[in-house]
């Protein structure tokens, strides 16, 4: 079980980064529609 955690961490970080990027893109698109 302990070995599973470090292996999962990079994927989790990548997922977080992707999620953040998606949120930023969504906000920009929303701004564009409002303007």
PDB file of N, CA and C in Angstrom:
ATOM      1  N   UNK A   1       0.814  -1.226   0.000  1.00  0.00           N
ATOM      2  CA  UNK A   1       0.000   0.000   0.000  1.00  0.00           C
ATOM      3  C   UNK A   1       0.851   1.282   0.000  1.00  0.00           C
ATOM      4  N   UNK A   2       1.916   1.361   0.816  1.00  0.00           N
ATOM      5  CA  UNK A   2       2.721   2.596   0.828  1.00  0.00           C
ATOM      6  C   UNK A   2       3.382   2.913  -0.521  1.00  0.00           C
ATOM      7  N   UNK A   3       3.691   1.856  -1.286  1.00  0.00           N
ATOM      8  CA  UNK A   3       4.329   2.072  -2.581  1.00  0.00           C
ATOM      9  C   UNK A   3       3.357   2.638  -3.616  1.00  0.00           C
ATOM     10  N   UNK A   4       2.094   2.423  -3.377  1.00  0.00           N
ATOM     11  CA  UNK A   4       1.062   2.896  -4.303  1.00  0.00           C
ATOM     12  C   UNK A   4       0.901   4.421  -4.254  1.00  0.00           C
ATOM     13  N   UNK A   5       1.149   4.993  -3.094  1.00  0.00           N
ATOM     14  CA  UNK A   5       0.961   6.433  -2.923  1.00  0.00           C
ATOM     15  C   UNK A   5       1.907   7.292  -3.780  1.00  0.00           C
ATOM     16  N   UNK A   6       3.233   7.085  -3.731  1.00  0.00           N
ATOM     17  CA  UNK A   6       4.132   7.901  -4.553  1.00  0.00           C
ATOM     18  C   UNK A   6       3.857   7.783  -6.054  1.00  0.00           C
ATOM     19  N   UNK A   7       3.423   6.609  -6.459  1.00  0.00           N
ATOM     20  CA  UNK A   7       3.145   6.389  -7.872  1.00  0.00           C
ATOM     21  C   UNK A   7       1.896   7.178  -8.300  1.00  0.00           C
ATOM     22  N   UNK A   8       0.978   7.309  -7.382  1.00  0.00           N
ATOM     23  CA  UNK A   8      -0.270   8.004  -7.678  1.00  0.00           C
ATOM     24  C   UNK A   8      -0.087   9.534  -7.638  1.00  0.00           C
ATOM     25  N   UNK A   9       0.815   9.991  -6.812  1.00  0.00           N
ATOM     26  CA  UNK A   9       1.025  11.431  -6.621  1.00  0.00           C
ATOM     27  C   UNK A   9       1.265  12.231  -7.907  1.00  0.00           C
ATOM     28  N   UNK A  10       2.173  11.795  -8.796  1.00  0.00           N
ATOM     29  CA  UNK A  10       2.392  12.558 -10.027  1.00  0.00           C
ATOM     30  C   UNK A  10       1.137  12.670 -10.890  1.00  0.00           C
ATOM     31  N   UNK A  11       0.365  11.589 -10.933  1.00  0.00           N
ATOM     32  CA  UNK A  11      -0.871  11.620 -11.706  1.00  0.00           C
ATOM     33  C   UNK A  11      -1.877  12.594 -11.103  1.00  0.00           C
ATOM     34  N   UNK A  12      -1.921  12.611  -9.783  1.00  0.00           N
ATOM     35  CA  UNK A  12      -2.829  13.512  -9.078  1.00  0.00           C
ATOM     36  C   UNK A  12      -2.441  14.965  -9.345  1.00  0.00           C
ATOM     37  N   UNK A  13      -1.157  15.225  -9.338  1.00  0.00           N
ATOM     38  CA  UNK A  13      -0.651  16.569  -9.598  1.00  0.00           C
ATOM     39  C   UNK A  13      -0.979  16.990 -11.031  1.00  0.00           C
ATOM     40  N   UNK A  14      -0.794  16.069 -11.957  1.00  0.00           N
ATOM     41  CA  UNK A  14      -1.092  16.322 -13.361  1.00  0.00           C
ATOM     42  C   UNK A  14      -2.581  16.606 -13.535  1.00  0.00           C
ATOM     43  N   UNK A  15      -3.395  15.843 -12.831  1.00  0.00           N
ATOM     44  CA  UNK A  15      -4.843  16.021 -12.895  1.00  0.00           C
ATOM     45  C   UNK A  15      -5.236  17.392 -12.354  1.00  0.00           C
ATOM     46  N   UNK A  16      -4.598  17.776 -11.254  1.00  0.00           N
ATOM     47  CA  UNK A  16      -4.875  19.090 -10.653  1.00  0.00           C
ATOM     48  C   UNK A  16      -4.501  20.211 -11.611  1.00  0.00           C
ATOM     49  N   UNK A  17      -3.349  20.074 -12.239  1.00  0.00           N
ATOM     50  CA  UNK A  17      -2.869  21.075 -13.187  1.00  0.00           C
ATOM     51  C   UNK A  17      -3.822  21.189 -14.373  1.00  0.00           C
ATOM     52  N   UNK A  18      -4.273  20.033 -14.852  1.00  0.00           N
ATOM     53  CA  UNK A  18      -5.193  19.999 -15.983  1.00  0.00           C
ATOM     54  C   UNK A  18      -6.524  20.632 -15.599  1.00  0.00           C
ATOM     55  N   UNK A  19      -6.951  20.329 -14.393  1.00  0.00           N
ATOM     56  CA  UNK A  19      -8.222  20.860 -13.902  1.00  0.00           C
ATOM     57  C   UNK A  19      -8.148  22.380 -13.774  1.00  0.00           C
ATOM     58  N   UNK A  20      -7.033  22.867 -13.258  1.00  0.00           N
ATOM     59  CA  UNK A  20      -6.830  24.303 -13.102  1.00  0.00           C
ATOM     60  C   UNK A  20      -6.834  24.983 -14.466  1.00  0.00           C
ATOM     61  N   UNK A  21      -6.140  24.389 -15.418  1.00  0.00           N
ATOM     62  CA  UNK A  21      -6.080  24.923 -16.772  1.00  0.00           C
ATOM     63  C   UNK A  21      -7.476  24.991 -17.385  1.00  0.00           C
ATOM     64  N   UNK A  22      -8.256  23.950 -17.168  1.00  0.00           N
ATOM     65  CA  UNK A  22      -9.617  23.895 -17.691  1.00  0.00           C
ATOM     66  C   UNK A  22     -10.476  25.005 -17.085  1.00  0.00           C
ATOM     67  N   UNK A  23     -10.291  25.236 -15.783  1.00  0.00           N
ATOM     68  CA  UNK A  23     -11.053  26.281 -15.093  1.00  0.00           C
ATOM     69  C   UNK A  23     -10.695  27.660 -15.643  1.00  0.00           C
ATOM     70  N   UNK A  24      -9.415  27.881 -15.871  1.00  0.00           N
ATOM     71  CA  UNK A  24      -8.946  29.159 -16.413  1.00  0.00           C
ATOM     72  C   UNK A  24      -9.529  29.378 -17.811  1.00  0.00           C
ATOM     73  N   UNK A  25      -9.481  28.334 -18.634  1.00  0.00           N
ATOM     74  CA  UNK A  25     -10.017  28.420 -19.993  1.00  0.00           C
ATOM     75  C   UNK A  25     -11.510  28.729 -19.957  1.00  0.00           C
ATOM     76  N   UNK A  26     -12.209  28.110 -19.030  1.00  0.00           N
ATOM     77  CA  UNK A  26     -13.647  28.309 -18.888  1.00  0.00           C
ATOM     78  C   UNK A  26     -13.946  29.757 -18.503  1.00  0.00           C
ATOM     79  N   UNK A  27     -13.155  30.300 -17.579  1.00  0.00           N
ATOM     80  CA  UNK A  27     -13.332  31.685 -17.141  1.00  0.00           C
ATOM     81  C   UNK A  27     -13.080  32.656 -18.289  1.00  0.00           C
ATOM     82  N   UNK A  28     -12.047  32.377 -19.074  1.00  0.00           N
ATOM     83  CA  UNK A  28     -11.720  33.233 -20.209  1.00  0.00           C
ATOM     84  C   UNK A  28     -12.825  33.202 -21.254  1.00  0.00           C
ATOM     85  N   UNK A  29     -13.363  32.030 -21.485  1.00  0.00           N
ATOM     86  CA  UNK A  29     -14.446  31.882 -22.451  1.00  0.00           C
ATOM     87  C   UNK A  29     -15.682  32.639 -21.973  1.00  0.00           C
ATOM     88  N   UNK A  30     -15.939  32.546 -20.691  1.00  0.00           N
ATOM     89  CA  UNK A  30     -17.086  33.227 -20.101  1.00  0.00           C
ATOM     90  C   UNK A  30     -16.925  34.746 -20.235  1.00  0.00           C
ATOM     91  N   UNK A  31     -15.723  35.225 -19.968  1.00  0.00           N
ATOM     92  CA  UNK A  31     -15.432  36.658 -20.092  1.00  0.00           C
ATOM     93  C   UNK A  31     -15.656  37.129 -21.521  1.00  0.00           C
ATOM     94  N   UNK A  32     -15.219  36.317 -22.460  1.00  0.00           N
ATOM     95  CA  UNK A  32     -15.343  36.633 -23.871  1.00  0.00           C
ATOM     96  C   UNK A  32     -16.814  36.745 -24.280  1.00  0.00           C
ATOM     97  N   UNK A  33     -17.615  35.859 -23.722  1.00  0.00           N
ATOM     98  CA  UNK A  33     -19.045  35.874 -24.035  1.00  0.00           C
ATOM     99  C   UNK A  33     -19.740  37.084 -23.419  1.00  0.00           C
ATOM    100  N   UNK A  34     -19.281  37.482 -22.249  1.00  0.00           N
ATOM    101  CA  UNK A  34     -19.872  38.634 -21.574  1.00  0.00           C
ATOM    102  C   UNK A  34     -19.501  39.944 -22.269  1.00  0.00           C
ATOM    103  N   UNK A  35     -18.324  39.999 -22.853  1.00  0.00           N
ATOM    104  CA  UNK A  35     -17.868  41.215 -23.522  1.00  0.00           C
ATOM    105  C   UNK A  35     -18.380  41.395 -24.929  1.00  0.00           C
TER     106      UNK A  35
END
